[in-house]
Amino acid sequence: MKILAKVSRGPQKGEIVTPHRHEDGTYVVSLKRFERDYIRVTTSEGFASEIRKGLKGRMSSHAVKGPRLFSQ
């Protein structure tokens, strides 16, 4: 499953981002941007499922500095 989003504002507007895989191999979804609220999922399917439920996902690319939260 390929999950993509497009940056909608700022200097990287138009850049395509994908789910950010953390060093521990997990993806992060959250309602808020704070680390204490992170929910870690192990698969891209789990990531997509949580996004469909209304959570935001941390996504990044080589052109975008640091992962950002994106919503559906």
PDB file of N, CA and C in Angstrom:
ATOM      1  N   MET A   1       0.841  -1.175   0.000  1.00  0.00           N
ATOM      2  CA  MET A   1       0.000   0.000   0.000  1.00  0.00           C
ATOM      3  C   MET A   1       0.887   1.240   0.000  1.00  0.00           C
ATOM      4  N   LYS A   2       0.633   2.142  -0.900  1.00  0.00           N
ATOM      5  CA  LYS A   2       1.420   3.363  -1.000  1.00  0.00           C
ATOM      6  C   LYS A   2       0.599   4.518  -0.432  1.00  0.00           C
ATOM      7  N   ILE A   3       1.153   5.187   0.581  1.00  0.00           N
ATOM      8  CA  ILE A   3       0.487   6.303   1.232  1.00  0.00           C
ATOM      9  C   ILE A   3       1.279   7.568   0.914  1.00  0.00           C
ATOM     10  N   LEU A   4       0.607   8.552   0.321  1.00  0.00           N
ATOM     11  CA  LEU A   4       1.254   9.801  -0.067  1.00  0.00           C
ATOM     12  C   LEU A   4       0.414  10.986   0.392  1.00  0.00           C
ATOM     13  N   ALA A   5       1.084  12.103   0.635  1.00  0.00           N
ATOM     14  CA  ALA A   5       0.408  13.377   0.913  1.00  0.00           C
ATOM     15  C   ALA A   5       1.225  14.476   0.264  1.00  0.00           C
ATOM     16  N   LYS A   6       0.599  15.627   0.085  1.00  0.00           N
ATOM     17  CA  LYS A   6       1.280  16.761  -0.518  1.00  0.00           C
ATOM     18  C   LYS A   6       1.298  17.913   0.484  1.00  0.00           C
ATOM     19  N   VAL A   7       2.458  18.535   0.665  1.00  0.00           N
ATOM     20  CA  VAL A   7       2.581  19.691   1.541  1.00  0.00           C
ATOM     21  C   VAL A   7       1.756  20.822   0.932  1.00  0.00           C
ATOM     22  N   SER A   8       0.877  21.431   1.732  1.00  0.00           N
ATOM     23  CA  SER A   8      -0.047  22.422   1.189  1.00  0.00           C
ATOM     24  C   SER A   8       0.355  23.872   1.449  1.00  0.00           C
ATOM     25  N   ARG A   9       1.362  24.092   2.291  1.00  0.00           N
ATOM     26  CA  ARG A   9       1.788  25.465   2.544  1.00  0.00           C
ATOM     27  C   ARG A   9       3.232  25.507   3.016  1.00  0.00           C
ATOM     28  N   GLY A  10       3.784  26.690   3.002  1.00  0.00           N
ATOM     29  CA  GLY A  10       5.166  26.866   3.431  1.00  0.00           C
ATOM     30  C   GLY A  10       6.144  26.705   2.291  1.00  0.00           C
ATOM     31  N   PRO A  11       7.446  26.780   2.610  1.00  0.00           N
ATOM     32  CA  PRO A  11       8.487  26.735   1.575  1.00  0.00           C
ATOM     33  C   PRO A  11       8.522  25.428   0.777  1.00  0.00           C
ATOM     34  N   GLN A  12       8.059  24.335   1.369  1.00  0.00           N
ATOM     35  CA  GLN A  12       8.069  23.047   0.674  1.00  0.00           C
ATOM     36  C   GLN A  12       6.720  22.725   0.027  1.00  0.00           C
ATOM     37  N   LYS A  13       5.884  23.735  -0.175  1.00  0.00           N
ATOM     38  CA  LYS A  13       4.559  23.527  -0.770  1.00  0.00           C
ATOM     39  C   LYS A  13       4.686  22.721  -2.064  1.00  0.00           C
ATOM     40  N   GLY A  14       3.842  21.703  -2.169  1.00  0.00           N
ATOM     41  CA  GLY A  14       3.851  20.847  -3.356  1.00  0.00           C
ATOM     42  C   GLY A  14       4.702  19.599  -3.226  1.00  0.00           C
ATOM     43  N   GLU A  15       5.574  19.540  -2.216  1.00  0.00           N
ATOM     44  CA  GLU A  15       6.413  18.350  -2.008  1.00  0.00           C
ATOM     45  C   GLU A  15       5.547  17.155  -1.614  1.00  0.00           C
ATOM     46  N   ILE A  16       5.898  15.992  -2.122  1.00  0.00           N
ATOM     47  CA  ILE A  16       5.213  14.745  -1.781  1.00  0.00           C
ATOM     48  C   ILE A  16       5.924  14.125  -0.579  1.00  0.00           C
ATOM     49  N   VAL A  17       5.143  13.699   0.417  1.00  0.00           N
ATOM     50  CA  VAL A  17       5.689  13.058   1.608  1.00  0.00           C
ATOM     51  C   VAL A  17       5.062  11.675   1.782  1.00  0.00           C
ATOM     52  N   THR A  18       5.777  10.822   2.492  1.00  0.00           N
ATOM     53  CA  THR A  18       5.324   9.465   2.793  1.00  0.00           C
ATOM     54  C   THR A  18       5.431   9.243   4.299  1.00  0.00           C
ATOM     55  N   PRO A  19       4.803   8.193   4.832  1.00  0.00           N
ATOM     56  CA  PRO A  19       4.894   7.940   6.269  1.00  0.00           C
ATOM     57  C   PRO A  19       6.352   7.872   6.728  1.00  0.00           C
ATOM     58  N   HIS A  20       6.630   8.543   7.833  1.00  0.00           N
ATOM     59  CA  HIS A  20       7.983   8.586   8.384  1.00  0.00           C
ATOM     60  C   HIS A  20       8.226   7.353   9.253  1.00  0.00           C
ATOM     61  N   ARG A  21       9.244   6.590   8.891  1.00  0.00           N
ATOM     62  CA  ARG A  21       9.603   5.413   9.691  1.00  0.00           C
ATOM     63  C   ARG A  21      10.669   5.841  10.694  1.00  0.00           C
ATOM     64  N   HIS A  22      10.378   5.629  11.968  1.00  0.00           N
ATOM     65  CA  HIS A  22      11.304   5.998  13.030  1.00  0.00           C
ATOM     66  C   HIS A  22      12.411   4.951  13.168  1.00  0.00           C
ATOM     67  N   GLU A  23      13.439   5.285  13.926  1.00  0.00           N
ATOM     68  CA  GLU A  23      14.599   4.388  14.082  1.00  0.00           C
ATOM     69  C   GLU A  23      14.207   3.009  14.595  1.00  0.00           C
ATOM     70  N   ASP A  24      13.134   2.932  15.386  1.00  0.00           N
ATOM     71  CA  ASP A  24      12.702   1.638  15.912  1.00  0.00           C
ATOM     72  C   ASP A  24      11.843   0.853  14.913  1.00  0.00           C
ATOM     73  N   GLY A  25      11.669   1.409  13.698  1.00  0.00           N
ATOM     74  CA  GLY A  25      10.922   0.719  12.651  1.00  0.00           C
ATOM     75  C   GLY A  25       9.430   0.953  12.670  1.00  0.00           C
ATOM     76  N   THR A  26       8.958   1.813  13.574  1.00  0.00           N
ATOM     77  CA  THR A  26       7.524   2.064  13.665  1.00  0.00           C
ATOM     78  C   THR A  26       7.145   3.374  12.982  1.00  0.00           C
ATOM     79  N   TYR A  27       5.850   3.492  12.719  1.00  0.00           N
ATOM     80  CA  TYR A  27       5.256   4.719  12.212  1.00  0.00           C
ATOM     81  C   TYR A  27       4.489   5.348  13.375  1.00  0.00           C
ATOM     82  N   VAL A  28       4.274   6.664  13.326  1.00  0.00           N
ATOM     83  CA  VAL A  28       3.589   7.347  14.423  1.00  0.00           C
ATOM     84  C   VAL A  28       2.316   8.017  13.924  1.00  0.00           C
ATOM     85  N   VAL A  29       1.231   7.807  14.678  1.00  0.00           N
ATOM     86  CA  VAL A  29      -0.018   8.536  14.485  1.00  0.00           C
ATOM     87  C   VAL A  29      -0.358   9.194  15.816  1.00  0.00           C
ATOM     88  N   SER A  30      -1.134  10.266  15.759  1.00  0.00           N
ATOM     89  CA  SER A  30      -1.439  11.007  16.973  1.00  0.00           C
ATOM     90  C   SER A  30      -2.589  11.964  16.729  1.00  0.00           C
ATOM     91  N   LEU A  31      -3.275  12.342  17.788  1.00  0.00           N
ATOM     92  CA  LEU A  31      -4.272  13.402  17.693  1.00  0.00           C
ATOM     93  C   LEU A  31      -3.614  14.770  17.787  1.00  0.00           C
ATOM     94  N   LYS A  32      -2.500  14.838  18.518  1.00  0.00           N
ATOM     95  CA  LYS A  32      -1.783  16.089  18.736  1.00  0.00           C
ATOM     96  C   LYS A  32      -0.328  15.910  18.337  1.00  0.00           C
ATOM     97  N   ARG A  33       0.426  16.995  18.351  1.00  0.00           N
ATOM     98  CA  ARG A  33       1.815  16.949  17.904  1.00  0.00           C
ATOM     99  C   ARG A  33       2.799  16.547  18.995  1.00  0.00           C
ATOM    100  N   PHE A  34       2.328  16.356  20.207  1.00  0.00           N
ATOM    101  CA  PHE A  34       3.225  16.085  21.324  1.00  0.00           C
ATOM    102  C   PHE A  34       3.607  14.613  21.410  1.00  0.00           C
ATOM    103  N   GLU A  35       4.869  14.367  21.698  1.00  0.00           N
ATOM    104  CA  GLU A  35       5.381  12.998  21.740  1.00  0.00           C
ATOM    105  C   GLU A  35       4.631  12.134  22.756  1.00  0.00           C
ATOM    106  N   ARG A  36       4.183  12.726  23.840  1.00  0.00           N
ATOM    107  CA  ARG A  36       3.464  11.939  24.859  1.00  0.00           C
ATOM    108  C   ARG A  36       2.154  11.362  24.311  1.00  0.00           C
ATOM    109  N   ASP A  37       1.653  11.927  23.209  1.00  0.00           N
ATOM    110  CA  ASP A  37       0.398  11.465  22.608  1.00  0.00           C
ATOM    111  C   ASP A  37       0.597  10.502  21.444  1.00  0.00           C
ATOM    112  N   TYR A  38       1.839  10.176  21.119  1.00  0.00           N
ATOM    113  CA  TYR A  38       2.130   9.318  19.969  1.00  0.00           C
ATOM    114  C   TYR A  38       1.584   7.911  20.180  1.00  0.00           C
ATOM    115  N   ILE A  39       1.072   7.359  19.107  1.00  0.00           N
ATOM    116  CA  ILE A  39       0.688   5.947  19.057  1.00  0.00           C
ATOM    117  C   ILE A  39       1.559   5.332  17.969  1.00  0.00           C
ATOM    118  N   ARG A  40       2.334   4.335  18.317  1.00  0.00           N
ATOM    119  CA  ARG A  40       3.246   3.713  17.358  1.00  0.00           C
ATOM    120  C   ARG A  40       2.572   2.500  16.727  1.00  0.00           C
ATOM    121  N   VAL A  41       2.671   2.408  15.403  1.00  0.00           N
ATOM    122  CA  VAL A  41       2.139   1.265  14.663  1.00  0.00           C
ATOM    123  C   VAL A  41       3.278   0.654  13.853  1.00  0.00           C
ATOM    124  N   THR A  42       3.200  -0.632  13.613  1.00  0.00           N
ATOM    125  CA  THR A  42       4.325  -1.337  12.993  1.00  0.00           C
ATOM    126  C   THR A  42       4.205  -1.519  11.487  1.00  0.00           C
ATOM    127  N   THR A  43       3.014  -1.318  10.928  1.00  0.00           N
ATOM    128  CA  THR A  43       2.840  -1.546   9.490  1.00  0.00           C
ATOM    129  C   THR A  43       2.223  -0.327   8.815  1.00  0.00           C
ATOM    130  N   SER A  44       2.446  -0.219   7.514  1.00  0.00           N
ATOM    131  CA  SER A  44       1.827   0.882   6.771  1.00  0.00           C
ATOM    132  C   SER A  44       0.310   0.698   6.710  1.00  0.00           C
ATOM    133  N   GLU A  45      -0.170  -0.545   6.732  1.00  0.00           N
ATOM    134  CA  GLU A  45      -1.602  -0.800   6.745  1.00  0.00           C
ATOM    135  C   GLU A  45      -2.219  -0.299   8.048  1.00  0.00           C
ATOM    136  N   GLY A  46      -1.520  -0.535   9.169  1.00  0.00           N
ATOM    137  CA  GLY A  46      -1.976  -0.029  10.465  1.00  0.00           C
ATOM    138  C   GLY A  46      -1.979   1.486  10.490  1.00  0.00           C
ATOM    139  N   PHE A  47      -0.965   2.089   9.886  1.00  0.00           N
ATOM    140  CA  PHE A  47      -0.864   3.541   9.778  1.00  0.00           C
ATOM    141  C   PHE A  47      -2.075   4.081   9.019  1.00  0.00           C
ATOM    142  N   ALA A  48      -2.367   3.511   7.861  1.00  0.00           N
ATOM    143  CA  ALA A  48      -3.494   3.953   7.037  1.00  0.00           C
ATOM    144  C   ALA A  48      -4.817   3.774   7.780  1.00  0.00           C
ATOM    145  N   SER A  49      -4.956   2.677   8.489  1.00  0.00           N
ATOM    146  CA  SER A  49      -6.181   2.405   9.239  1.00  0.00           C
ATOM    147  C   SER A  49      -6.425   3.478  10.300  1.00  0.00           C
ATOM    148  N   GLU A  50      -5.375   3.867  11.006  1.00  0.00           N
ATOM    149  CA  GLU A  50      -5.506   4.887  12.047  1.00  0.00           C
ATOM    150  C   GLU A  50      -5.812   6.256  11.442  1.00  0.00           C
ATOM    151  N   ILE A  51      -5.251   6.554  10.287  1.00  0.00           N
ATOM    152  CA  ILE A  51      -5.535   7.819   9.609  1.00  0.00           C
ATOM    153  C   ILE A  51      -7.017   7.876   9.225  1.00  0.00           C
ATOM    154  N   ARG A  52      -7.550   6.755   8.741  1.00  0.00           N
ATOM    155  CA  ARG A  52      -8.971   6.703   8.377  1.00  0.00           C
ATOM    156  C   ARG A  52      -9.875   6.917   9.589  1.00  0.00           C
ATOM    157  N   LYS A  53      -9.376   6.591  10.773  1.00  0.00           N
ATOM    158  CA  LYS A  53     -10.149   6.788  12.011  1.00  0.00           C
ATOM    159  C   LYS A  53     -10.095   8.239  12.484  1.00  0.00           C
ATOM    160  N   GLY A  54      -9.286   9.076  11.841  1.00  0.00           N
ATOM    161  CA  GLY A  54      -9.240  10.483  12.210  1.00  0.00           C
ATOM    162  C   GLY A  54      -7.956  10.952  12.863  1.00  0.00           C
ATOM    163  N   LEU A  55      -7.013  10.039  13.063  1.00  0.00           N
ATOM    164  CA  LEU A  55      -5.732  10.455  13.637  1.00  0.00           C
ATOM    165  C   LEU A  55      -4.862  11.093  12.561  1.00  0.00           C
ATOM    166  N   LYS A  56      -3.836  11.804  12.981  1.00  0.00           N
ATOM    167  CA  LYS A  56      -2.875  12.403  12.059  1.00  0.00           C
ATOM    168  C   LYS A  56      -1.642  11.520  12.026  1.00  0.00           C
ATOM    169  N   GLY A  57      -0.938  11.537  10.905  1.00  0.00           N
ATOM    170  CA  GLY A  57       0.252  10.708  10.759  1.00  0.00           C
ATOM    171  C   GLY A  57       1.497  11.537  10.525  1.00  0.00           C
ATOM    172  N   ARG A  58       2.611  11.120  11.105  1.00  0.00           N
ATOM    173  CA  ARG A  58       3.882  11.805  10.882  1.00  0.00           C
ATOM    174  C   ARG A  58       4.441  11.346   9.545  1.00  0.00           C
ATOM    175  N   MET A  59       4.707  12.336   8.680  1.00  0.00           N
ATOM    176  CA  MET A  59       5.175  12.033   7.330  1.00  0.00           C
ATOM    177  C   MET A  59       6.359  12.926   7.002  1.00  0.00           C
ATOM    178  N   SER A  60       7.209  12.439   6.073  1.00  0.00           N
ATOM    179  CA  SER A  60       8.410  13.197   5.718  1.00  0.00           C
ATOM    180  C   SER A  60       8.870  12.829   4.314  1.00  0.00           C
ATOM    181  N   SER A  61       9.888  13.563   3.851  1.00  0.00           N
ATOM    182  CA  SER A  61      10.573  13.246   2.600  1.00  0.00           C
ATOM    183  C   SER A  61      11.983  13.805   2.717  1.00  0.00           C
ATOM    184  N   HIS A  62      12.810  13.536   1.722  1.00  0.00           N
ATOM    185  CA  HIS A  62      14.174  14.063   1.748  1.00  0.00           C
ATOM    186  C   HIS A  62      14.180  15.579   1.640  1.00  0.00           C
ATOM    187  N   ALA A  63      13.177  16.148   0.971  1.00  0.00           N
ATOM    188  CA  ALA A  63      13.128  17.595   0.753  1.00  0.00           C
ATOM    189  C   ALA A  63      12.509  18.348   1.931  1.00  0.00           C
ATOM    190  N   VAL A  64      11.730  17.651   2.760  1.00  0.00           N
ATOM    191  CA  VAL A  64      11.032  18.294   3.872  1.00  0.00           C
ATOM    192  C   VAL A  64      11.822  18.045   5.147  1.00  0.00           C
ATOM    193  N   LYS A  65      12.217  19.117   5.819  1.00  0.00           N
ATOM    194  CA  LYS A  65      13.007  18.986   7.049  1.00  0.00           C
ATOM    195  C   LYS A  65      12.133  18.465   8.186  1.00  0.00           C
ATOM    196  N   GLY A  66      12.508  17.345   8.722  1.00  0.00           N
ATOM    197  CA  GLY A  66      11.804  16.772   9.868  1.00  0.00           C
ATOM    198  C   GLY A  66      10.393  16.317   9.539  1.00  0.00           C
ATOM    199  N   PRO A  67       9.942  15.243  10.178  1.00  0.00           N
ATOM    200  CA  PRO A  67       8.592  14.746   9.941  1.00  0.00           C
ATOM    201  C   PRO A  67       7.546  15.726  10.472  1.00  0.00           C
ATOM    202  N   ARG A  68       6.417  15.794   9.779  1.00  0.00           N
ATOM    203  CA  ARG A  68       5.308  16.666  10.162  1.00  0.00           C
ATOM    204  C   ARG A  68       4.038  15.822  10.289  1.00  0.00           C
ATOM    205  N   LEU A  69       3.076  16.353  11.035  1.00  0.00           N
ATOM    206  CA  LEU A  69       1.785  15.677  11.154  1.00  0.00           C
ATOM    207  C   LEU A  69       0.897  16.071   9.980  1.00  0.00           C
ATOM    208  N   PHE A  70       0.313  15.073   9.342  1.00  0.00           N
ATOM    209  CA  PHE A  70      -0.616  15.288   8.243  1.00  0.00           C
ATOM    210  C   PHE A  70      -1.923  14.607   8.585  1.00  0.00           C
ATOM    211  N   SER A  71      -3.039  15.227   8.178  1.00  0.00           N
ATOM    212  CA  SER A  71      -4.342  14.621   8.386  1.00  0.00           C
ATOM    213  C   SER A  71      -4.987  14.327   7.043  1.00  0.00           C
ATOM    214  N   GLN A  72      -6.023  13.546   7.087  1.00  0.00           N
ATOM    215  CA  GLN A  72      -6.729  13.124   5.871  1.00  0.00           C
ATOM    216  C   GLN A  72      -7.477  14.254   5.254  1.00  0.00           C
TER     217      GLN A  72
END
